[in-house]
Amino acid sequence: MLASPIRKPLKLVALAALSLLVVSCSSTQAPKQKSGPAVVRTTPGLDINRAHKDGAPWWDVDVSRIPDATPTLHTGPYKANPYTVLGKTYFPMAESKRYVASGTASWYGTKFHGQNTANGEVYDLYGMSAAHKTLPLPSYVRVTNLDNNKSVILRVNDRGPFYSDRIIDLSYAAAKKLGYAEIGTARVKVEGIDPQEWWAQRGRPAPLMLNEPKAAAPVMTASAGTVEQWTPPPQQHAAAVVPVQLDAKKNASAQASGQYLQVGAFANPDAAELLRSKLSGMVSAPVFISSIVRNQQTLHRVRLGPIGSPGEIQQVQNSVRLANLGQPSLVTAE
């Protein structure tokens, strides 16, 4: 037929158009298969592989103002009894001064803040403390980040970590000072400290802890034999708080003397309030926050006083330092 030569090209054109239509439909439907943007965990320290989904506090704190733990002589018994966790029994060491080990360190924070540690202290995520599986409680160690050579001195007062191959768990503040809080873990070197040797190198006698913390509710329960059973996770804390009582009469007569101590200054009011609350449980002198504006920034200064005599001032300074709550400096009333 005459029409057949014409129909054949038209048929080819129609097929080509149909093919283009199919390709076009395929390309327009492709984005429907695309999933939403990947969720990125931006909270410092949060790692989906870390046990218990622990994390950092929602506000930032200048950890450079938080002093390292001060090695002190322990006057009470050490907690070094064998214990079992997750079916494995651990046998703590009798002393820590010759201890040296390298491995992975982790940290934990808000989930355990305010909870009891293995030796009856209370975990403070802003304290300079650590948990270890076999070091005696309490003890002191120097922890060095092998990637940046930063180091801190910590009070070991808890058990752990019991997950993965980690050798030590640090408080949030300690991990931040070592520069790995946002990463979650770091390669570290852990060295035990003998308080007497540490102070002898500085030409001073080692101070005694004035008051050991009272044991809180027990976190371990006895089992058969001498092995204790304990359910993880561990918690941790800074050095024990040392209560100080001031002479009320002398303190009342000191109002005009202007003898005050400043323990810290923070841009964040919550951090200042946290320190004020801790100091209020240590001393009988008033503890207050004095805020000023400098260089267009508000600083919240944590102060205590007035204090009556130089001797009492020295006593308070030593106690606050031993509690790892700061380095109090003498200031005048403003």
C-alpha atoms as a PDB file:
ATOM      1  CA  MET A   1       0.000   0.000   0.000  1.00  0.00           C
ATOM      2  CA  LEU A   2       1.012   3.613  -0.573  1.00  0.00           C
ATOM      3  CA  ALA A   3       0.577   4.402   3.066  1.00  0.00           C
ATOM      4  CA  SER A   4       2.995   1.764   4.291  1.00  0.00           C
ATOM      5  CA  PRO A   5       6.210   3.675   3.464  1.00  0.00           C
ATOM      6  CA  ILE A   6       4.877   6.615   5.472  1.00  0.00           C
ATOM      7  CA  ARG A   7       3.570   4.606   8.426  1.00  0.00           C
ATOM      8  CA  LYS A   8       6.919   2.935   9.030  1.00  0.00           C
ATOM      9  CA  PRO A   9       8.819   6.189   9.800  1.00  0.00           C
ATOM     10  CA  LEU A  10       5.856   7.385  11.859  1.00  0.00           C
ATOM     11  CA  LYS A  11       5.978   4.167  13.848  1.00  0.00           C
ATOM     12  CA  LEU A  12       9.686   4.656  14.500  1.00  0.00           C
ATOM     13  CA  VAL A  13       9.094   8.229  15.606  1.00  0.00           C
ATOM     14  CA  ALA A  14       6.330   7.101  17.956  1.00  0.00           C
ATOM     15  CA  LEU A  15       8.558   4.447  19.497  1.00  0.00           C
ATOM     16  CA  ALA A  16      11.344   6.977  19.986  1.00  0.00           C
ATOM     17  CA  ALA A  17       8.958   9.402  21.640  1.00  0.00           C
ATOM     18  CA  LEU A  18       7.666   6.643  23.902  1.00  0.00           C
ATOM     19  CA  SER A  19      11.233   5.779  24.896  1.00  0.00           C
ATOM     20  CA  LEU A  20      11.950   9.413  25.740  1.00  0.00           C
ATOM     21  CA  LEU A  21       8.768   9.544  27.796  1.00  0.00           C
ATOM     22  CA  VAL A  22       9.792   6.457  29.772  1.00  0.00           C
ATOM     23  CA  VAL A  23      13.263   7.885  30.391  1.00  0.00           C
ATOM     24  CA  SER A  24      11.740  11.189  31.435  1.00  0.00           C
ATOM     25  CA  CYS A  25       9.356   9.495  33.845  1.00  0.00           C
ATOM     26  CA  SER A  26      12.187   7.459  35.297  1.00  0.00           C
ATOM     27  CA  SER A  27      14.312  10.539  35.857  1.00  0.00           C
ATOM     28  CA  THR A  28      11.496  12.482  37.476  1.00  0.00           C
ATOM     29  CA  GLN A  29      10.649   9.607  39.802  1.00  0.00           C
ATOM     30  CA  ALA A  30      14.229   9.031  40.959  1.00  0.00           C
ATOM     31  CA  PRO A  31      14.257  11.736  43.655  1.00  0.00           C
ATOM     32  CA  LYS A  32      11.319  10.014  45.349  1.00  0.00           C
ATOM     33  CA  GLN A  33      13.694   7.199  46.298  1.00  0.00           C
ATOM     34  CA  LYS A  34      16.107   9.633  47.909  1.00  0.00           C
ATOM     35  CA  SER A  35      15.993   9.567  51.683  1.00  0.00           C
ATOM     36  CA  GLY A  36      16.175  12.631  53.888  1.00  0.00           C
ATOM     37  CA  PRO A  37      19.475  14.151  55.045  1.00  0.00           C
ATOM     38  CA  ALA A  38      21.628  11.961  57.261  1.00  0.00           C
ATOM     39  CA  VAL A  39      21.304  12.679  60.957  1.00  0.00           C
ATOM     40  CA  VAL A  40      24.563  14.041  62.332  1.00  0.00           C
ATOM     41  CA  ARG A  41      25.204  13.899  66.053  1.00  0.00           C
ATOM     42  CA  THR A  42      26.597  17.310  66.896  1.00  0.00           C
ATOM     43  CA  THR A  43      26.422  17.094  70.670  1.00  0.00           C
ATOM     44  CA  PRO A  44      30.021  17.073  72.017  1.00  0.00           C
ATOM     45  CA  GLY A  45      31.078  13.657  73.201  1.00  0.00           C
ATOM     46  CA  LEU A  46      28.038  11.745  71.983  1.00  0.00           C
ATOM     47  CA  ASP A  47      29.064   8.580  70.163  1.00  0.00           C
ATOM     48  CA  ILE A  48      26.417   6.059  69.090  1.00  0.00           C
ATOM     49  CA  ASN A  49      28.873   3.264  69.867  1.00  0.00           C
ATOM     50  CA  ARG A  50      29.383   4.371  73.468  1.00  0.00           C
ATOM     51  CA  ALA A  51      27.607   2.287  76.065  1.00  0.00           C
ATOM     52  CA  HIS A  52      24.525   3.697  77.818  1.00  0.00           C
ATOM     53  CA  LYS A  53      24.178   6.656  75.379  1.00  0.00           C
ATOM     54  CA  ASP A  54      25.878   9.033  77.805  1.00  0.00           C
ATOM     55  CA  GLY A  55      26.611  12.630  76.877  1.00  0.00           C
ATOM     56  CA  ALA A  56      28.011  16.064  77.630  1.00  0.00           C
ATOM     57  CA  PRO A  57      26.196  18.863  79.467  1.00  0.00           C
ATOM     58  CA  TRP A  58      24.162  21.238  77.328  1.00  0.00           C
ATOM     59  CA  TRP A  59      26.170  24.284  78.456  1.00  0.00           C
ATOM     60  CA  ASP A  60      29.857  24.875  77.891  1.00  0.00           C
ATOM     61  CA  VAL A  61      32.345  25.391  80.711  1.00  0.00           C
ATOM     62  CA  ASP A  62      35.894  26.714  80.631  1.00  0.00           C
ATOM     63  CA  VAL A  63      37.705  23.638  81.954  1.00  0.00           C
ATOM     64  CA  SER A  64      41.000  25.528  82.057  1.00  0.00           C
ATOM     65  CA  ARG A  65      39.688  26.999  85.310  1.00  0.00           C
ATOM     66  CA  ILE A  66      39.203  23.545  86.828  1.00  0.00           C
ATOM     67  CA  PRO A  67      42.411  22.444  88.607  1.00  0.00           C
ATOM     68  CA  ASP A  68      43.790  18.928  88.474  1.00  0.00           C
ATOM     69  CA  ALA A  69      43.276  16.619  91.425  1.00  0.00           C
ATOM     70  CA  THR A  70      45.772  17.151  94.251  1.00  0.00           C
ATOM     71  CA  PRO A  71      47.465  13.914  95.398  1.00  0.00           C
ATOM     72  CA  THR A  72      46.851  13.483  99.128  1.00  0.00           C
ATOM     73  CA  LEU A  73      47.632  10.768 101.638  1.00  0.00           C
ATOM     74  CA  HIS A  74      44.714   8.441 102.257  1.00  0.00           C
ATOM     75  CA  THR A  75      44.004   7.882 105.958  1.00  0.00           C
ATOM     76  CA  GLY A  76      41.333   5.187 105.719  1.00  0.00           C
ATOM     77  CA  PRO A  77      41.229   1.700 104.214  1.00  0.00           C
ATOM     78  CA  TYR A  78      41.614   1.228 100.480  1.00  0.00           C
ATOM     79  CA  LYS A  79      38.872  -0.485  98.534  1.00  0.00           C
ATOM     80  CA  ALA A  80      40.728  -3.331  96.864  1.00  0.00           C
ATOM     81  CA  ASN A  81      38.443  -6.353  97.245  1.00  0.00           C
ATOM     82  CA  PRO A  82      37.976  -8.718  94.282  1.00  0.00           C
ATOM     83  CA  TYR A  83      34.701  -8.220  92.423  1.00  0.00           C
ATOM     84  CA  THR A  84      32.849  -9.741  89.477  1.00  0.00           C
ATOM     85  CA  VAL A  85      31.251  -7.859  86.567  1.00  0.00           C
ATOM     86  CA  LEU A  86      29.615  -9.465  83.524  1.00  0.00           C
ATOM     87  CA  GLY A  87      30.955 -12.860  84.560  1.00  0.00           C
ATOM     88  CA  LYS A  88      34.573 -11.721  84.908  1.00  0.00           C
ATOM     89  CA  THR A  89      36.375 -11.404  88.243  1.00  0.00           C
ATOM     90  CA  TYR A  90      38.816  -8.547  88.813  1.00  0.00           C
ATOM     91  CA  PHE A  91      41.546  -8.476  91.462  1.00  0.00           C
ATOM     92  CA  PRO A  92      42.536  -4.895  92.379  1.00  0.00           C
ATOM     93  CA  MET A  93      46.155  -4.032  93.043  1.00  0.00           C
ATOM     94  CA  ALA A  94      47.503  -3.237  96.494  1.00  0.00           C
ATOM     95  CA  GLU A  95      49.147   0.010  95.351  1.00  0.00           C
ATOM     96  CA  SER A  96      49.253   2.233  92.299  1.00  0.00           C
ATOM     97  CA  LYS A  97      52.560   4.101  92.423  1.00  0.00           C
ATOM     98  CA  ARG A  98      54.357   1.718  90.026  1.00  0.00           C
ATOM     99  CA  TYR A  99      51.437   1.344  87.653  1.00  0.00           C
ATOM    100  CA  VAL A 100      52.030   2.247  83.989  1.00  0.00           C
ATOM    101  CA  ALA A 101      49.764   1.294  81.076  1.00  0.00           C
ATOM    102  CA  SER A 102      48.816   2.565  77.634  1.00  0.00           C
ATOM    103  CA  GLY A 103      45.541   2.059  75.824  1.00  0.00           C
ATOM    104  CA  THR A 104      42.173   3.596  75.028  1.00  0.00           C
ATOM    105  CA  ALA A 105      40.436   6.030  77.370  1.00  0.00           C
ATOM    106  CA  SER A 106      36.762   6.998  77.273  1.00  0.00           C
ATOM    107  CA  TRP A 107      34.620   9.323  79.389  1.00  0.00           C
ATOM    108  CA  TYR A 108      31.126   9.689  80.791  1.00  0.00           C
ATOM    109  CA  GLY A 109      29.059  12.599  81.998  1.00  0.00           C
ATOM    110  CA  THR A 110      25.429  13.634  82.395  1.00  0.00           C
ATOM    111  CA  LYS A 111      23.905  10.165  82.775  1.00  0.00           C
ATOM    112  CA  PHE A 112      25.917   9.542  85.949  1.00  0.00           C
ATOM    113  CA  HIS A 113      26.251  13.060  87.349  1.00  0.00           C
ATOM    114  CA  GLY A 114      25.336  13.031  91.044  1.00  0.00           C
ATOM    115  CA  GLN A 115      25.352   9.245  91.393  1.00  0.00           C
ATOM    116  CA  ASN A 116      27.444   7.241  93.844  1.00  0.00           C
ATOM    117  CA  THR A 117      30.868   5.857  93.027  1.00  0.00           C
ATOM    118  CA  ALA A 118      32.322   2.517  94.093  1.00  0.00           C
ATOM    119  CA  ASN A 119      33.977   3.996  97.187  1.00  0.00           C
ATOM    120  CA  GLY A 120      31.013   6.089  98.341  1.00  0.00           C
ATOM    121  CA  GLU A 121      31.811   9.417  96.711  1.00  0.00           C
ATOM    122  CA  VAL A 122      29.474  11.249  94.344  1.00  0.00           C
ATOM    123  CA  TYR A 123      30.245  11.642  90.658  1.00  0.00           C
ATOM    124  CA  ASP A 124      30.793  15.193  89.454  1.00  0.00           C
ATOM    125  CA  LEU A 125      31.218  15.530  85.698  1.00  0.00           C
ATOM    126  CA  TYR A 126      33.209  18.738  86.340  1.00  0.00           C
ATOM    127  CA  GLY A 127      35.549  16.998  88.791  1.00  0.00           C
ATOM    128  CA  MET A 128      38.966  15.634  87.890  1.00  0.00           C
ATOM    129  CA  SER A 129      38.394  11.948  88.487  1.00  0.00           C
ATOM    130  CA  ALA A 130      38.494   8.556  86.807  1.00  0.00           C
ATOM    131  CA  ALA A 131      37.312   4.959  86.985  1.00  0.00           C
ATOM    132  CA  HIS A 132      39.685   2.000  86.687  1.00  0.00           C
ATOM    133  CA  LYS A 133      39.140  -1.733  86.915  1.00  0.00           C
ATOM    134  CA  THR A 134      42.013  -2.682  89.228  1.00  0.00           C
ATOM    135  CA  LEU A 135      43.683   0.366  90.798  1.00  0.00           C
ATOM    136  CA  PRO A 136      43.018   0.722  94.549  1.00  0.00           C
ATOM    137  CA  LEU A 137      40.319   3.201  95.553  1.00  0.00           C
ATOM    138  CA  PRO A 138      41.183   5.956  96.040  1.00  0.00           C
ATOM    139  CA  SER A 139      44.423   6.517  94.158  1.00  0.00           C
ATOM    140  CA  TYR A 140      45.935   9.114  91.851  1.00  0.00           C
ATOM    141  CA  VAL A 141      47.148   8.867  88.281  1.00  0.00           C
ATOM    142  CA  ARG A 142      48.586  11.056  85.573  1.00  0.00           C
ATOM    143  CA  VAL A 143      46.820  10.524  82.243  1.00  0.00           C
ATOM    144  CA  THR A 144      48.519  11.754  79.060  1.00  0.00           C
ATOM    145  CA  ASN A 145      46.856  12.014  75.658  1.00  0.00           C
ATOM    146  CA  LEU A 146      49.408  10.411  73.328  1.00  0.00           C
ATOM    147  CA  ASP A 147      48.078  12.343  70.335  1.00  0.00           C
ATOM    148  CA  ASN A 148      48.641  15.844  71.736  1.00  0.00           C
ATOM    149  CA  ASN A 149      50.791  15.272  74.873  1.00  0.00           C
ATOM    150  CA  LYS A 150      48.265  17.011  77.138  1.00  0.00           C
ATOM    151  CA  SER A 151      48.133  15.518  80.628  1.00  0.00           C
ATOM    152  CA  VAL A 152      46.021  15.754  83.779  1.00  0.00           C
ATOM    153  CA  ILE A 153      46.207  14.392  87.322  1.00  0.00           C
ATOM    154  CA  LEU A 154      43.089  12.535  88.429  1.00  0.00           C
ATOM    155  CA  ARG A 155      41.674  10.886  91.531  1.00  0.00           C
ATOM    156  CA  VAL A 156      40.600   7.301  90.816  1.00  0.00           C
ATOM    157  CA  ASN A 157      37.502   6.572  92.863  1.00  0.00           C
ATOM    158  CA  ASP A 158      35.402   4.153  90.829  1.00  0.00           C
ATOM    159  CA  ARG A 159      35.410   0.905  88.855  1.00  0.00           C
ATOM    160  CA  GLY A 160      35.274   0.574  85.069  1.00  0.00           C
ATOM    161  CA  PRO A 161      35.173   0.719  82.144  1.00  0.00           C
ATOM    162  CA  PHE A 162      33.873  -2.787  81.443  1.00  0.00           C
ATOM    163  CA  TYR A 163      33.174  -2.434  77.738  1.00  0.00           C
ATOM    164  CA  SER A 164      35.458  -2.871  74.730  1.00  0.00           C
ATOM    165  CA  ASP A 165      39.204  -2.660  75.321  1.00  0.00           C
ATOM    166  CA  ARG A 166      39.226   0.644  77.211  1.00  0.00           C
ATOM    167  CA  ILE A 167      41.590   0.863  80.167  1.00  0.00           C
ATOM    168  CA  ILE A 168      40.234   3.942  81.965  1.00  0.00           C
ATOM    169  CA  ASP A 169      37.113   6.125  82.091  1.00  0.00           C
ATOM    170  CA  LEU A 170      37.546   9.844  82.736  1.00  0.00           C
ATOM    171  CA  SER A 171      35.161  12.519  83.924  1.00  0.00           C
ATOM    172  CA  TYR A 172      33.811  14.853  81.252  1.00  0.00           C
ATOM    173  CA  ALA A 173      35.994  17.743  82.451  1.00  0.00           C
ATOM    174  CA  ALA A 174      39.140  15.600  82.370  1.00  0.00           C
ATOM    175  CA  ALA A 175      38.393  14.372  78.854  1.00  0.00           C
ATOM    176  CA  LYS A 176      37.779  17.925  77.693  1.00  0.00           C
ATOM    177  CA  LYS A 177      41.071  19.100  79.187  1.00  0.00           C
ATOM    178  CA  LEU A 178      42.815  16.284  77.313  1.00  0.00           C
ATOM    179  CA  GLY A 179      41.113  17.340  74.091  1.00  0.00           C
ATOM    180  CA  TYR A 180      39.019  14.281  73.271  1.00  0.00           C
ATOM    181  CA  ALA A 181      35.584  15.006  74.749  1.00  0.00           C
ATOM    182  CA  GLU A 182      34.102  15.637  71.304  1.00  0.00           C
ATOM    183  CA  ILE A 183      35.719  12.502  69.870  1.00  0.00           C
ATOM    184  CA  GLY A 184      34.751  10.125  72.667  1.00  0.00           C
ATOM    185  CA  THR A 185      37.978   8.143  73.055  1.00  0.00           C
ATOM    186  CA  ALA A 186      41.725   8.715  72.914  1.00  0.00           C
ATOM    187  CA  ARG A 187      45.017   6.850  73.115  1.00  0.00           C
ATOM    188  CA  VAL A 188      46.467   7.567  76.534  1.00  0.00           C
ATOM    189  CA  LYS A 189      49.239   6.657  78.925  1.00  0.00           C
ATOM    190  CA  VAL A 190      48.251   6.119  82.566  1.00  0.00           C
ATOM    191  CA  GLU A 191      50.862   6.444  85.336  1.00  0.00           C
ATOM    192  CA  GLY A 192      50.239   5.854  89.022  1.00  0.00           C
ATOM    193  CA  ILE A 193      51.229   8.604  91.474  1.00  0.00           C
ATOM    194  CA  ASP A 194      52.625   8.198  94.983  1.00  0.00           C
ATOM    195  CA  PRO A 195      51.478  11.316  96.910  1.00  0.00           C
ATOM    196  CA  GLN A 196      54.567  11.307  99.141  1.00  0.00           C
ATOM    197  CA  GLU A 197      56.946  11.163  96.183  1.00  0.00           C
ATOM    198  CA  TRP A 198      54.882  13.729  94.276  1.00  0.00           C
ATOM    199  CA  TRP A 199      55.084  16.260  97.103  1.00  0.00           C
ATOM    200  CA  ALA A 200      58.731  15.428  97.901  1.00  0.00           C
ATOM    201  CA  GLN A 201      59.639  16.477  94.363  1.00  0.00           C
ATOM    202  CA  ARG A 202      58.127  19.855  95.215  1.00  0.00           C
ATOM    203  CA  GLY A 203      59.933  20.134  98.533  1.00  0.00           C
ATOM    204  CA  ARG A 204      56.789  19.911 100.641  1.00  0.00           C
ATOM    205  CA  PRO A 205      55.200  17.242 102.853  1.00  0.00           C
ATOM    206  CA  ALA A 206      52.161  15.463 101.493  1.00  0.00           C
ATOM    207  CA  PRO A 207      48.914  16.836 102.987  1.00  0.00           C
ATOM    208  CA  LEU A 208      46.332  14.577 104.581  1.00  0.00           C
ATOM    209  CA  MET A 209      42.750  14.472 103.405  1.00  0.00           C
ATOM    210  CA  LEU A 210      41.029  16.272 106.267  1.00  0.00           C
ATOM    211  CA  ASN A 211      37.823  14.334 106.012  1.00  0.00           C
ATOM    212  CA  GLU A 212      37.179  11.193 104.023  1.00  0.00           C
ATOM    213  CA  PRO A 213      33.744  11.020 102.373  1.00  0.00           C
ATOM    214  CA  LYS A 214      31.100   9.032 104.166  1.00  0.00           C
ATOM    215  CA  ALA A 215      29.996   5.991 102.240  1.00  0.00           C
ATOM    216  CA  ALA A 216      26.655   6.459 100.569  1.00  0.00           C
ATOM    217  CA  ALA A 217      24.227   3.683  99.765  1.00  0.00           C
ATOM    218  CA  PRO A 218      26.301   0.588  98.918  1.00  0.00           C
ATOM    219  CA  VAL A 219      26.741  -0.081  95.236  1.00  0.00           C
ATOM    220  CA  MET A 220      28.103  -3.598  95.749  1.00  0.00           C
ATOM    221  CA  THR A 221      26.509  -6.582  97.404  1.00  0.00           C
ATOM    222  CA  ALA A 222      28.468  -9.438  98.901  1.00  0.00           C
ATOM    223  CA  SER A 223      28.382 -12.848  97.274  1.00  0.00           C
ATOM    224  CA  ALA A 224      29.815 -16.232  98.118  1.00  0.00           C
ATOM    225  CA  GLY A 225      33.373 -16.113  99.374  1.00  0.00           C
ATOM    226  CA  THR A 226      35.342 -12.850  99.267  1.00  0.00           C
ATOM    227  CA  VAL A 227      34.284 -11.890  95.740  1.00  0.00           C
ATOM    228  CA  GLU A 228      31.779  -9.057  95.437  1.00  0.00           C
ATOM    229  CA  GLN A 229      29.066  -8.837  92.794  1.00  0.00           C
ATOM    230  CA  TRP A 230      28.393  -5.494  91.178  1.00  0.00           C
ATOM    231  CA  THR A 231      26.186  -4.466  88.294  1.00  0.00           C
ATOM    232  CA  PRO A 232      27.701  -1.834  85.967  1.00  0.00           C
ATOM    233  CA  PRO A 233      27.835   0.886  84.805  1.00  0.00           C
ATOM    234  CA  PRO A 234      30.316   2.587  87.143  1.00  0.00           C
ATOM    235  CA  GLN A 235      30.173   6.196  88.230  1.00  0.00           C
ATOM    236  CA  GLN A 236      32.918   8.581  89.208  1.00  0.00           C
ATOM    237  CA  HIS A 237      33.642  11.794  91.094  1.00  0.00           C
ATOM    238  CA  ALA A 238      36.305  14.330  91.983  1.00  0.00           C
ATOM    239  CA  ALA A 239      38.202  14.511  95.270  1.00  0.00           C
ATOM    240  CA  ALA A 240      36.212  14.422  98.478  1.00  0.00           C
ATOM    241  CA  VAL A 241      34.714  17.634  99.807  1.00  0.00           C
ATOM    242  CA  VAL A 242      36.313  18.837 103.039  1.00  0.00           C
ATOM    243  CA  PRO A 243      33.844  20.523 105.406  1.00  0.00           C
ATOM    244  CA  VAL A 244      35.132  23.686 107.124  1.00  0.00           C
ATOM    245  CA  GLN A 245      33.542  25.415 110.108  1.00  0.00           C
ATOM    246  CA  LEU A 246      34.380  29.080 110.685  1.00  0.00           C
ATOM    247  CA  ASP A 247      34.175  30.963 113.945  1.00  0.00           C
ATOM    248  CA  ALA A 248      30.785  32.713 113.788  1.00  0.00           C
ATOM    249  CA  LYS A 249      31.808  35.577 116.125  1.00  0.00           C
ATOM    250  CA  LYS A 250      34.965  36.364 114.185  1.00  0.00           C
ATOM    251  CA  ASN A 251      33.055  36.088 110.955  1.00  0.00           C
ATOM    252  CA  ALA A 252      30.424  38.574 112.154  1.00  0.00           C
ATOM    253  CA  SER A 253      33.097  41.151 113.044  1.00  0.00           C
ATOM    254  CA  ALA A 254      34.758  40.827 109.661  1.00  0.00           C
ATOM    255  CA  GLN A 255      32.038  42.535 107.636  1.00  0.00           C
ATOM    256  CA  ALA A 256      34.044  45.750 107.386  1.00  0.00           C
ATOM    257  CA  SER A 257      37.417  44.089 106.737  1.00  0.00           C
ATOM    258  CA  GLY A 258      36.655  43.154 103.139  1.00  0.00           C
ATOM    259  CA  GLN A 259      38.318  39.730 103.428  1.00  0.00           C
ATOM    260  CA  TYR A 260      36.754  37.643 100.688  1.00  0.00           C
ATOM    261  CA  LEU A 261      37.874  34.709  98.573  1.00  0.00           C
ATOM    262  CA  GLN A 262      37.056  34.320  94.903  1.00  0.00           C
ATOM    263  CA  VAL A 263      36.965  30.701  93.762  1.00  0.00           C
ATOM    264  CA  GLY A 264      35.985  31.086  90.119  1.00  0.00           C
ATOM    265  CA  ALA A 265      34.511  33.325  87.429  1.00  0.00           C
ATOM    266  CA  PHE A 266      32.255  32.034  84.658  1.00  0.00           C
ATOM    267  CA  ALA A 267      30.553  33.418  81.587  1.00  0.00           C
ATOM    268  CA  ASN A 268      27.799  30.853  82.092  1.00  0.00           C
ATOM    269  CA  PRO A 269      25.579  31.520  85.130  1.00  0.00           C
ATOM    270  CA  ASP A 270      24.667  27.832  85.496  1.00  0.00           C
ATOM    271  CA  ALA A 271      28.313  26.886  86.007  1.00  0.00           C
ATOM    272  CA  ALA A 272      28.664  29.603  88.640  1.00  0.00           C
ATOM    273  CA  GLU A 273      25.538  28.402  90.435  1.00  0.00           C
ATOM    274  CA  LEU A 274      26.813  24.815  90.418  1.00  0.00           C
ATOM    275  CA  LEU A 275      30.057  25.869  92.112  1.00  0.00           C
ATOM    276  CA  ARG A 276      28.222  28.101  94.587  1.00  0.00           C
ATOM    277  CA  SER A 277      25.996  25.194  95.573  1.00  0.00           C
ATOM    278  CA  LYS A 278      28.969  22.917  96.230  1.00  0.00           C
ATOM    279  CA  LEU A 279      30.843  25.514  98.267  1.00  0.00           C
ATOM    280  CA  SER A 280      27.752  26.197 100.375  1.00  0.00           C
ATOM    281  CA  GLY A 281      27.946  22.638 101.675  1.00  0.00           C
ATOM    282  CA  MET A 282      31.593  23.040 102.657  1.00  0.00           C
ATOM    283  CA  VAL A 283      31.894  26.288 104.577  1.00  0.00           C
ATOM    284  CA  SER A 284      29.805  28.244 107.047  1.00  0.00           C
ATOM    285  CA  ALA A 285      30.809  31.574 105.510  1.00  0.00           C
ATOM    286  CA  PRO A 286      28.336  33.085 103.038  1.00  0.00           C
ATOM    287  CA  VAL A 287      28.834  31.972  99.436  1.00  0.00           C
ATOM    288  CA  PHE A 288      27.488  34.276  96.761  1.00  0.00           C
ATOM    289  CA  ILE A 289      27.724  35.187  93.079  1.00  0.00           C
ATOM    290  CA  SER A 290      28.895  38.670  92.123  1.00  0.00           C
ATOM    291  CA  SER A 291      28.344  39.547  88.455  1.00  0.00           C
ATOM    292  CA  ILE A 292      30.203  42.263  86.547  1.00  0.00           C
ATOM    293  CA  VAL A 293      30.572  43.298  82.915  1.00  0.00           C
ATOM    294  CA  ARG A 294      34.048  43.417  81.415  1.00  0.00           C
ATOM    295  CA  ASN A 295      34.899  43.894  77.754  1.00  0.00           C
ATOM    296  CA  GLN A 296      31.201  43.592  76.893  1.00  0.00           C
ATOM    297  CA  GLN A 297      31.023  40.188  78.600  1.00  0.00           C
ATOM    298  CA  THR A 298      29.247  39.355  81.838  1.00  0.00           C
ATOM    299  CA  LEU A 299      31.321  37.395  84.342  1.00  0.00           C
ATOM    300  CA  HIS A 300      29.668  35.600  87.244  1.00  0.00           C
ATOM    301  CA  ARG A 301      32.191  35.470  90.095  1.00  0.00           C
ATOM    302  CA  VAL A 302      31.776  32.893  92.837  1.00  0.00           C
ATOM    303  CA  ARG A 303      32.940  34.339  96.141  1.00  0.00           C
ATOM    304  CA  LEU A 304      32.761  33.509  99.812  1.00  0.00           C
ATOM    305  CA  GLY A 305      33.162  35.643 102.881  1.00  0.00           C
ATOM    306  CA  PRO A 306      33.655  37.754 104.775  1.00  0.00           C
ATOM    307  CA  ILE A 307      36.154  35.623 106.695  1.00  0.00           C
ATOM    308  CA  GLY A 308      37.543  36.785 110.018  1.00  0.00           C
ATOM    309  CA  SER A 309      41.216  35.863 110.267  1.00  0.00           C
ATOM    310  CA  PRO A 310      44.197  34.949 108.063  1.00  0.00           C
ATOM    311  CA  GLY A 311      44.239  31.502 109.644  1.00  0.00           C
ATOM    312  CA  GLU A 312      40.652  30.820 108.668  1.00  0.00           C
ATOM    313  CA  ILE A 313      41.302  32.152 105.173  1.00  0.00           C
ATOM    314  CA  GLN A 314      44.191  29.718 104.780  1.00  0.00           C
ATOM    315  CA  GLN A 315      42.064  26.867 106.089  1.00  0.00           C
ATOM    316  CA  VAL A 316      39.301  27.566 103.596  1.00  0.00           C
ATOM    317  CA  GLN A 317      41.775  27.918 100.715  1.00  0.00           C
ATOM    318  CA  ASN A 318      43.375  24.565 101.512  1.00  0.00           C
ATOM    319  CA  SER A 319      40.027  22.810 101.846  1.00  0.00           C
ATOM    320  CA  VAL A 320      38.681  24.137  98.552  1.00  0.00           C
ATOM    321  CA  ARG A 321      41.877  23.102  96.771  1.00  0.00           C
ATOM    322  CA  LEU A 322      41.826  19.627  98.284  1.00  0.00           C
ATOM    323  CA  ALA A 323      38.229  19.263  97.133  1.00  0.00           C
ATOM    324  CA  ASN A 324      39.313  20.132  93.575  1.00  0.00           C
ATOM    325  CA  LEU A 325      36.835  22.988  93.419  1.00  0.00           C
ATOM    326  CA  GLY A 326      39.263  25.749  92.470  1.00  0.00           C
ATOM    327  CA  GLN A 327      42.174  27.943  93.540  1.00  0.00           C
ATOM    328  CA  PRO A 328      40.686  30.565  95.895  1.00  0.00           C
ATOM    329  CA  SER A 329      42.313  33.988  95.754  1.00  0.00           C
ATOM    330  CA  LEU A 330      41.960  36.859  98.218  1.00  0.00           C
ATOM    331  CA  VAL A 331      39.899  39.780  96.885  1.00  0.00           C
ATOM    332  CA  THR A 332      38.347  42.928  98.286  1.00  0.00           C
ATOM    333  CA  ALA A 333      34.631  43.592  98.475  1.00  0.00           C
ATOM    334  CA  GLU A 334      33.211  45.467  95.498  1.00  0.00           C
END
